[in-house]
Amino acid sequence: MNRPGSRIRLIGLLGALSAFGPITTDVYLPGLPQAAKDLHVSSSSIQLTLTTCLVGLALGQLLVGPLSDRWGRRRPMIAGMAVFAVASALCAIAPNVYLLDLFRLLQGVAGAAGIVVAMAIVRDLYSGTEAARSYSILLAVNGIAPIASPVVGAQLLRVMDWRGLFVVLAGLGVVFLLAAVVAVPETLPVERRRTGEVADMFRNVRHLFVDRSFMGYALAGGLSFAAMFAYISASAFVFQDVYGTSAQQFSAFFAVNAIGILLGNAANTRLVRRWSPQVGLNIGLAGVFIGAAATFVVTTAGLGIWYLEPALFVMVASIGLTMPNATALALEDHGDAAGAASAGVGLLQFGLGALAAPLVGIGGSHSAVPMGIVTVVAAVLALVARVALGRSRRAI
């Protein structure tokens, strides 16, 4: 894995396999209003299906991360892909919102395997600045998912209903399963695996949450993600119900913002060649705050969509700097338990996202103000976490 070409191919594959977060949420986004009508529930109720998926993604990482430190990386990932395909098929036939919530939870738990194992594999192979660059490449590939997913979802809704989107997800699960079986190597040798009882593996995660440095970096990244997910979970209703766009127009706006993540990732790969990951994280957090603050002003003042879109673009693009650097810094001191550390990062990231998702629905489907409030609060808290907990470490 020392050859640049081999590294890029592996990181690219891991980026695709770790894309279950945006894939499981964003393909489904254009169909949220249709699903709410079909299941005879409110917008806030259908948004809870996003929350349950995020809870599953958070809890799944907490489960899979420590197990991958014990059993290696390949087996948990392969098992996760198989369960994801089955759970997606079950979502397609859910007769009511309650069973849909349950199947979305299972879908999230299974999809978490791709996310946490991909991050752990990167940490197995790289550290410091090289890890930050590798995470940027991984997230850049991962970033294609939020660009393509809502566009694909909107186009698919022309020929199928929202249930058909889950059939497509089931098919993708099978493809990812085959990719994991054929092309993902085992990067954790037997001699480096954790031994002892399974309960001891999970205690490693608990110890991370009293590590001041880990919590500072993980919370800074997780709260930035929460700001972005407040936008993601509200966007279908804000763009279509508040601003009157079609599902196809919404997907185009969403894709433009997602391109911002790619640009942020690309900028970060260059930035960390000259400066430390701490600098990249600080710049990213500043950008998230500026974009979130502008979103708050636009939504509370009732300004038009052409004022809202630039604000969202700045906020989302800045995630391309915060996430790879926060992840690299949080995992830097935990190479001996990369699976557990990756799980801790993922738990905070998706757990905080799950908290943000229902909050933006409090005002109903005809107000963008809750989205503005939640994004700016999360951005401020991310800055507080960075300043209060993220200790200064020598440049890595």
Foldseek 3Di string as FASTA:
>chain_A
DPDPVVLLVQLLLLLVLLLLLLQLQQLLLLQLVVVCVVQVHFSLLSLLLNLLLLLLLLVLLLVQLLVCLAPFQQPLLLVLLLQLLVLLLQCLPDNHSVVNSVSSSSNNSSSNSSNLSSLLLLLLPDAFLSQLLSLLSSVLSSLVSQLVNLLVSLVVCVPDHSSVSSNVSSVVSVVSSVCSVPPNDGSQDNVLGDDDDSVVSSVVLVVLVVQLQLQLLLLLLQLLLLLLLLCSLLQSLCCCVAQNDRSNVSSNLSNLLSVLLSVLSVVQSVVCVPFFLVVLQVVLLVQLLQLLLQLLVCQVVVHHPVSNSVSSSSNSSSSSRSNSSSSSSSCNVPSSSSSSSSSSSSNSNSVSNSVSSSQCCPVGSHGRNSSSVSSNVSSVVSVVSNVVRNDDDPGD
